[in-house]
PDB file of all heavy atoms in Angstrom:
ATOM      1  N   TYR A   1       0.832  -1.210   0.000  1.00  0.00           N
ATOM      2  CA  TYR A   1       0.000   0.000   0.000  1.00  0.00           C
ATOM      3  C   TYR A   1       0.868   1.262   0.000  1.00  0.00           C
ATOM      4  O   TYR A   1       0.563   2.241  -0.688  1.00  0.00           O
ATOM      5  CB  TYR A   1      -0.979  -0.019   1.170  1.00  0.00           C
ATOM      6  CG  TYR A   1      -2.191  -0.882   0.880  1.00  0.00           C
ATOM      7  CD1 TYR A   1      -2.068  -2.268   0.743  1.00  0.00           C
ATOM      8  CD2 TYR A   1      -3.453  -0.328   0.687  1.00  0.00           C
ATOM      9  CE1 TYR A   1      -3.148  -3.065   0.430  1.00  0.00           C
ATOM     10  CE2 TYR A   1      -4.549  -1.122   0.383  1.00  0.00           C
ATOM     11  CZ  TYR A   1      -4.392  -2.488   0.252  1.00  0.00           C
ATOM     12  OH  TYR A   1      -5.471  -3.278  -0.067  1.00  0.00           O
ATOM     13  N   ALA A   2       1.971   1.223   0.747  1.00  0.00           N
ATOM     14  CA  ALA A   2       2.874   2.374   0.774  1.00  0.00           C
ATOM     15  C   ALA A   2       3.470   2.601  -0.623  1.00  0.00           C
ATOM     16  O   ALA A   2       3.547   3.735  -1.110  1.00  0.00           O
ATOM     17  CB  ALA A   2       3.979   2.141   1.794  1.00  0.00           C
ATOM     18  N   LYS A   3       3.850   1.491  -1.266  1.00  0.00           N
ATOM     19  CA  LYS A   3       4.433   1.574  -2.610  1.00  0.00           C
ATOM     20  C   LYS A   3       3.422   2.119  -3.622  1.00  0.00           C
ATOM     21  O   LYS A   3       3.774   2.814  -4.579  1.00  0.00           O
ATOM     22  CB  LYS A   3       4.913   0.184  -3.038  1.00  0.00           C
ATOM     23  CG  LYS A   3       5.812   0.190  -4.260  1.00  0.00           C
ATOM     24  CD  LYS A   3       6.347  -1.208  -4.548  1.00  0.00           C
ATOM     25  CE  LYS A   3       7.146  -1.222  -5.840  1.00  0.00           C
ATOM     26  NZ  LYS A   3       7.569  -2.586  -6.197  1.00  0.00           N
ATOM     27  N   ALA A   4       2.128   1.811  -3.400  1.00  0.00           N
ATOM     28  CA  ALA A   4       1.067   2.275  -4.305  1.00  0.00           C
ATOM     29  C   ALA A   4       0.674   3.735  -4.029  1.00  0.00           C
ATOM     30  O   ALA A   4      -0.181   4.299  -4.721  1.00  0.00           O
ATOM     31  CB  ALA A   4      -0.154   1.372  -4.181  1.00  0.00           C
ATOM     32  N   GLY A   5       1.267   4.323  -2.985  1.00  0.00           N
ATOM     33  CA  GLY A   5       1.008   5.732  -2.681  1.00  0.00           C
ATOM     34  C   GLY A   5       0.037   5.991  -1.553  1.00  0.00           C
ATOM     35  O   GLY A   5      -0.300   7.140  -1.256  1.00  0.00           O
ATOM     36  N   ALA A   6      -0.431   4.917  -0.892  1.00  0.00           N
ATOM     37  CA  ALA A   6      -1.362   5.093   0.235  1.00  0.00           C
ATOM     38  C   ALA A   6      -0.586   5.494   1.490  1.00  0.00           C
ATOM     39  O   ALA A   6       0.596   5.162   1.636  1.00  0.00           O
ATOM     40  CB  ALA A   6      -2.130   3.805   0.480  1.00  0.00           C
ATOM     41  N   LYS A   7      -1.268   6.182   2.386  1.00  0.00           N
ATOM     42  CA  LYS A   7      -0.671   6.494   3.687  1.00  0.00           C
ATOM     43  C   LYS A   7      -0.949   5.317   4.620  1.00  0.00           C
ATOM     44  O   LYS A   7      -2.073   4.808   4.659  1.00  0.00           O
ATOM     45  CB  LYS A   7      -1.253   7.798   4.247  1.00  0.00           C
ATOM     46  CG  LYS A   7      -0.785   9.016   3.477  1.00  0.00           C
ATOM     47  CD  LYS A   7      -1.292  10.309   4.084  1.00  0.00           C
ATOM     48  CE  LYS A   7      -0.762  11.504   3.309  1.00  0.00           C
ATOM     49  NZ  LYS A   7      -1.388  12.759   3.744  1.00  0.00           N
ATOM     50  N   VAL A   8       0.066   4.902   5.350  1.00  0.00           N
ATOM     51  CA  VAL A   8      -0.032   3.698   6.181  1.00  0.00           C
ATOM     52  C   VAL A   8       0.065   4.076   7.655  1.00  0.00           C
ATOM     53  O   VAL A   8       0.927   4.869   8.055  1.00  0.00           O
ATOM     54  CB  VAL A   8       1.090   2.694   5.804  1.00  0.00           C
ATOM     55  CG1 VAL A   8       1.079   1.491   6.734  1.00  0.00           C
ATOM     56  CG2 VAL A   8       0.925   2.239   4.348  1.00  0.00           C
ATOM     57  N   TYR A   9      -0.829   3.502   8.468  1.00  0.00           N
ATOM     58  CA  TYR A   9      -0.900   3.817   9.893  1.00  0.00           C
ATOM     59  C   TYR A   9      -0.845   2.522  10.717  1.00  0.00           C
ATOM     60  O   TYR A   9      -1.369   1.499  10.294  1.00  0.00           O
ATOM     61  CB  TYR A   9      -2.216   4.537  10.228  1.00  0.00           C
ATOM     62  CG  TYR A   9      -2.565   5.673   9.294  1.00  0.00           C
ATOM     63  CD1 TYR A   9      -3.198   5.411   8.070  1.00  0.00           C
ATOM     64  CD2 TYR A   9      -2.265   7.000   9.619  1.00  0.00           C
ATOM     65  CE1 TYR A   9      -3.517   6.440   7.188  1.00  0.00           C
ATOM     66  CE2 TYR A   9      -2.585   8.042   8.737  1.00  0.00           C
ATOM     67  CZ  TYR A   9      -3.212   7.751   7.527  1.00  0.00           C
ATOM     68  OH  TYR A   9      -3.521   8.761   6.660  1.00  0.00           O
ATOM     69  N   ASP A  10      -0.228   2.592  11.889  1.00  0.00           N
ATOM     70  CA  ASP A  10      -0.227   1.476  12.834  1.00  0.00           C
ATOM     71  C   ASP A  10      -0.964   1.895  14.093  1.00  0.00           C
ATOM     72  O   ASP A  10      -0.866   3.042  14.533  1.00  0.00           O
ATOM     73  CB  ASP A  10       1.211   1.071  13.190  1.00  0.00           C
ATOM     74  CG  ASP A  10       1.946   0.468  12.008  1.00  0.00           C
ATOM     75  OD1 ASP A  10       1.395  -0.451  11.370  1.00  0.00           O
ATOM     76  OD2 ASP A  10       3.067   0.927  11.709  1.00  0.00           O
ATOM     77  N   MET A  11      -1.686   0.951  14.670  1.00  0.00           N
ATOM     78  CA  MET A  11      -2.458   1.230  15.879  1.00  0.00           C
ATOM     79  C   MET A  11      -1.587   1.040  17.119  1.00  0.00           C
ATOM     80  O   MET A  11      -0.791   0.099  17.171  1.00  0.00           O
ATOM     81  CB  MET A  11      -3.668   0.277  15.939  1.00  0.00           C
ATOM     82  CG  MET A  11      -4.660   0.626  17.020  1.00  0.00           C
ATOM     83  SD  MET A  11      -6.143  -0.424  16.920  1.00  0.00           S
ATOM     84  CE  MET A  11      -6.889   0.200  15.421  1.00  0.00           C
ATOM     85  N   ASP A  12      -1.746   1.916  18.100  1.00  0.00           N
ATOM     86  CA  ASP A  12      -1.017   1.731  19.360  1.00  0.00           C
ATOM     87  C   ASP A  12      -1.945   1.159  20.429  1.00  0.00           C
ATOM     88  O   ASP A  12      -3.156   1.018  20.221  1.00  0.00           O
ATOM     89  CB  ASP A  12      -0.366   3.049  19.833  1.00  0.00           C
ATOM     90  CG  ASP A  12      -1.381   4.172  20.050  1.00  0.00           C
ATOM     91  OD1 ASP A  12      -2.577   3.879  20.268  1.00  0.00           O
ATOM     92  OD2 ASP A  12      -0.980   5.352  19.987  1.00  0.00           O
ATOM     93  N   GLU A  13      -1.375   0.821  21.556  1.00  0.00           N
ATOM     94  CA  GLU A  13      -2.121   0.174  22.643  1.00  0.00           C
ATOM     95  C   GLU A  13      -3.270   1.048  23.155  1.00  0.00           C
ATOM     96  O   GLU A  13      -4.371   0.560  23.421  1.00  0.00           O
ATOM     97  CB  GLU A  13      -1.155  -0.146  23.802  1.00  0.00           C
ATOM     98  CG  GLU A  13      -1.776  -0.920  24.959  1.00  0.00           C
ATOM     99  CD  GLU A  13      -2.111  -2.360  24.629  1.00  0.00           C
ATOM    100  OE1 GLU A  13      -1.457  -2.968  23.771  1.00  0.00           O
ATOM    101  OE2 GLU A  13      -3.059  -2.886  25.253  1.00  0.00           O
ATOM    102  N   ALA A  14      -3.025   2.348  23.266  1.00  0.00           N
ATOM    103  CA  ALA A  14      -4.045   3.264  23.791  1.00  0.00           C
ATOM    104  C   ALA A  14      -5.267   3.319  22.867  1.00  0.00           C
ATOM    105  O   ALA A  14      -6.416   3.314  23.344  1.00  0.00           O
ATOM    106  CB  ALA A  14      -3.451   4.662  23.964  1.00  0.00           C
ATOM    107  N   THR A  15      -5.028   3.346  21.545  1.00  0.00           N
ATOM    108  CA  THR A  15      -6.136   3.373  20.590  1.00  0.00           C
ATOM    109  C   THR A  15      -6.904   2.054  20.618  1.00  0.00           C
ATOM    110  O   THR A  15      -8.137   2.038  20.568  1.00  0.00           O
ATOM    111  CB  THR A  15      -5.611   3.645  19.161  1.00  0.00           C
ATOM    112  OG1 THR A  15      -4.860   4.860  19.174  1.00  0.00           O
ATOM    113  CG2 THR A  15      -6.741   3.771  18.164  1.00  0.00           C
ATOM    114  N   LEU A  16      -6.166   0.947  20.727  1.00  0.00           N
ATOM    115  CA  LEU A  16      -6.810  -0.372  20.827  1.00  0.00           C
ATOM    116  C   LEU A  16      -7.733  -0.428  22.047  1.00  0.00           C
ATOM    117  O   LEU A  16      -8.857  -0.926  21.966  1.00  0.00           O
ATOM    118  CB  LEU A  16      -5.741  -1.465  20.915  1.00  0.00           C
ATOM    119  CG  LEU A  16      -6.246  -2.894  21.150  1.00  0.00           C
ATOM    120  CD1 LEU A  16      -7.198  -3.349  20.062  1.00  0.00           C
ATOM    121  CD2 LEU A  16      -5.073  -3.865  21.263  1.00  0.00           C
ATOM    122  N   LYS A  17      -7.264   0.106  23.167  1.00  0.00           N
ATOM    123  CA  LYS A  17      -8.067   0.104  24.400  1.00  0.00           C
ATOM    124  C   LYS A  17      -9.364   0.910  24.215  1.00  0.00           C
ATOM    125  O   LYS A  17     -10.421   0.532  24.723  1.00  0.00           O
ATOM    126  CB  LYS A  17      -7.264   0.692  25.568  1.00  0.00           C
ATOM    127  CG  LYS A  17      -6.088  -0.157  25.998  1.00  0.00           C
ATOM    128  CD  LYS A  17      -6.541  -1.334  26.836  1.00  0.00           C
ATOM    129  CE  LYS A  17      -5.344  -2.063  27.427  1.00  0.00           C
ATOM    130  NZ  LYS A  17      -5.565  -3.518  27.502  1.00  0.00           N
ATOM    131  N   ARG A  18      -9.293   2.020  23.478  1.00  0.00           N
ATOM    132  CA  ARG A  18     -10.491   2.831  23.228  1.00  0.00           C
ATOM    133  C   ARG A  18     -11.530   2.024  22.452  1.00  0.00           C
ATOM    134  O   ARG A  18     -12.723   2.068  22.766  1.00  0.00           O
ATOM    135  CB  ARG A  18     -10.126   4.103  22.457  1.00  0.00           C
ATOM    136  CG  ARG A  18      -9.398   5.151  23.282  1.00  0.00           C
ATOM    137  CD  ARG A  18      -9.154   6.402  22.458  1.00  0.00           C
ATOM    138  NE  ARG A  18     -10.412   7.068  22.096  1.00  0.00           N
ATOM    139  CZ  ARG A  18     -10.524   8.015  21.154  1.00  0.00           C
ATOM    140  NH1 ARG A  18      -9.448   8.396  20.473  1.00  0.00           N
ATOM    141  NH2 ARG A  18     -11.686   8.564  20.881  1.00  0.00           N
ATOM    142  N   TRP A  19     -11.057   1.300  21.437  1.00  0.00           N
ATOM    143  CA  TRP A  19     -11.972   0.457  20.663  1.00  0.00           C
ATOM    144  C   TRP A  19     -12.525  -0.678  21.539  1.00  0.00           C
ATOM    145  O   TRP A  19     -13.693  -1.055  21.418  1.00  0.00           O
ATOM    146  CB  TRP A  19     -11.250  -0.132  19.450  1.00  0.00           C
ATOM    147  CG  TRP A  19     -11.083   0.802  18.295  1.00  0.00           C
ATOM    148  CD1 TRP A  19      -9.926   1.381  17.857  1.00  0.00           C
ATOM    149  CD2 TRP A  19     -12.117   1.267  17.400  1.00  0.00           C
ATOM    150  NE1 TRP A  19     -10.169   2.176  16.754  1.00  0.00           N
ATOM    151  CE2 TRP A  19     -11.499   2.119  16.445  1.00  0.00           C
ATOM    152  CE3 TRP A  19     -13.490   1.053  17.314  1.00  0.00           C
ATOM    153  CZ2 TRP A  19     -12.205   2.746  15.420  1.00  0.00           C
ATOM    154  CZ3 TRP A  19     -14.195   1.674  16.278  1.00  0.00           C
ATOM    155  CH2 TRP A  19     -13.558   2.508  15.366  1.00  0.00           C
ATOM    156  N   GLN A  20     -11.687  -1.213  22.403  1.00  0.00           N
ATOM    157  CA  GLN A  20     -12.112  -2.336  23.251  1.00  0.00           C
ATOM    158  C   GLN A  20     -13.227  -1.925  24.210  1.00  0.00           C
ATOM    159  O   GLN A  20     -14.149  -2.701  24.463  1.00  0.00           O
ATOM    160  CB  GLN A  20     -10.918  -2.892  24.031  1.00  0.00           C
ATOM    161  CG  GLN A  20     -11.206  -4.252  24.664  1.00  0.00           C
ATOM    162  CD  GLN A  20      -9.978  -4.861  25.294  1.00  0.00           C
ATOM    163  OE1 GLN A  20      -9.335  -4.237  26.146  1.00  0.00           O
ATOM    164  NE2 GLN A  20      -9.636  -6.067  24.888  1.00  0.00           N
ATOM    165  N   VAL A  21     -13.150  -0.700  24.705  1.00  0.00           N
ATOM    166  CA  VAL A  21     -14.217  -0.188  25.591  1.00  0.00           C
ATOM    167  C   VAL A  21     -15.557  -0.192  24.847  1.00  0.00           C
ATOM    168  O   VAL A  21     -16.580  -0.625  25.380  1.00  0.00           O
ATOM    169  CB  VAL A  21     -13.874   1.244  26.088  1.00  0.00           C
ATOM    170  CG1 VAL A  21     -15.088   1.896  26.749  1.00  0.00           C
ATOM    171  CG2 VAL A  21     -12.705   1.189  27.079  1.00  0.00           C
ATOM    172  N   ILE A  22     -15.551   0.287  23.598  1.00  0.00           N
ATOM    173  CA  ILE A  22     -16.781   0.307  22.786  1.00  0.00           C
ATOM    174  C   ILE A  22     -17.250  -1.120  22.498  1.00  0.00           C
ATOM    175  O   ILE A  22     -18.451  -1.415  22.557  1.00  0.00           O
ATOM    176  CB  ILE A  22     -16.549   1.065  21.456  1.00  0.00           C
ATOM    177  CG1 ILE A  22     -16.130   2.517  21.731  1.00  0.00           C
ATOM    178  CG2 ILE A  22     -17.814   1.046  20.592  1.00  0.00           C
ATOM    179  CD1 ILE A  22     -15.694   3.284  20.483  1.00  0.00           C
ATOM    180  N   ALA A  23     -16.300  -2.007  22.207  1.00  0.00           N
ATOM    181  CA  ALA A  23     -16.645  -3.401  21.895  1.00  0.00           C
ATOM    182  C   ALA A  23     -17.328  -4.084  23.085  1.00  0.00           C
ATOM    183  O   ALA A  23     -18.307  -4.818  22.921  1.00  0.00           O
ATOM    184  CB  ALA A  23     -15.386  -4.166  21.503  1.00  0.00           C
ATOM    185  N   ARG A  24     -16.803  -3.861  24.274  1.00  0.00           N
ATOM    186  CA  ARG A  24     -17.389  -4.461  25.486  1.00  0.00           C
ATOM    187  C   ARG A  24     -18.846  -4.026  25.687  1.00  0.00           C
ATOM    188  O   ARG A  24     -19.700  -4.827  26.029  1.00  0.00           O
ATOM    189  CB  ARG A  24     -16.595  -4.034  26.727  1.00  0.00           C
ATOM    190  CG  ARG A  24     -15.327  -4.799  26.981  1.00  0.00           C
ATOM    191  CD  ARG A  24     -14.639  -4.278  28.246  1.00  0.00           C
ATOM    192  NE  ARG A  24     -13.326  -4.833  28.405  1.00  0.00           N
ATOM    193  CZ  ARG A  24     -13.051  -6.004  28.962  1.00  0.00           C
ATOM    194  NH1 ARG A  24     -14.039  -6.755  29.420  1.00  0.00           N
ATOM    195  NH2 ARG A  24     -11.815  -6.440  29.071  1.00  0.00           N
ATOM    196  N   GLU A  25     -19.088  -2.734  25.447  1.00  0.00           N
ATOM    197  CA  GLU A  25     -20.419  -2.173  25.698  1.00  0.00           C
ATOM    198  C   GLU A  25     -21.443  -2.581  24.644  1.00  0.00           C
ATOM    199  O   GLU A  25     -22.642  -2.567  24.892  1.00  0.00           O
ATOM    200  CB  GLU A  25     -20.334  -0.631  25.727  1.00  0.00           C
ATOM    201  CG  GLU A  25     -19.522  -0.068  26.881  1.00  0.00           C
ATOM    202  CD  GLU A  25     -19.212   1.416  26.697  1.00  0.00           C
ATOM    203  OE1 GLU A  25     -19.506   1.957  25.596  1.00  0.00           O
ATOM    204  OE2 GLU A  25     -18.667   2.023  27.639  1.00  0.00           O
ATOM    205  N   THR A  26     -20.960  -2.928  23.459  1.00  0.00           N
ATOM    206  CA  THR A  26     -21.860  -3.230  22.346  1.00  0.00           C
ATOM    207  C   THR A  26     -21.815  -4.710  21.964  1.00  0.00           C
ATOM    208  O   THR A  26     -22.650  -5.498  22.380  1.00  0.00           O
ATOM    209  CB  THR A  26     -21.500  -2.356  21.122  1.00  0.00           C
ATOM    210  OG1 THR A  26     -20.114  -2.548  20.783  1.00  0.00           O
ATOM    211  CG2 THR A  26     -21.764  -0.893  21.403  1.00  0.00           C
TER     212      THR A  26
END
């Protein structure tokens, strides 16, 4: 994806935890 010109992002632990809070509730 980087070679094709897309911007590439990696998730950190803090962002994962934010998603996990939503996942637990839903």
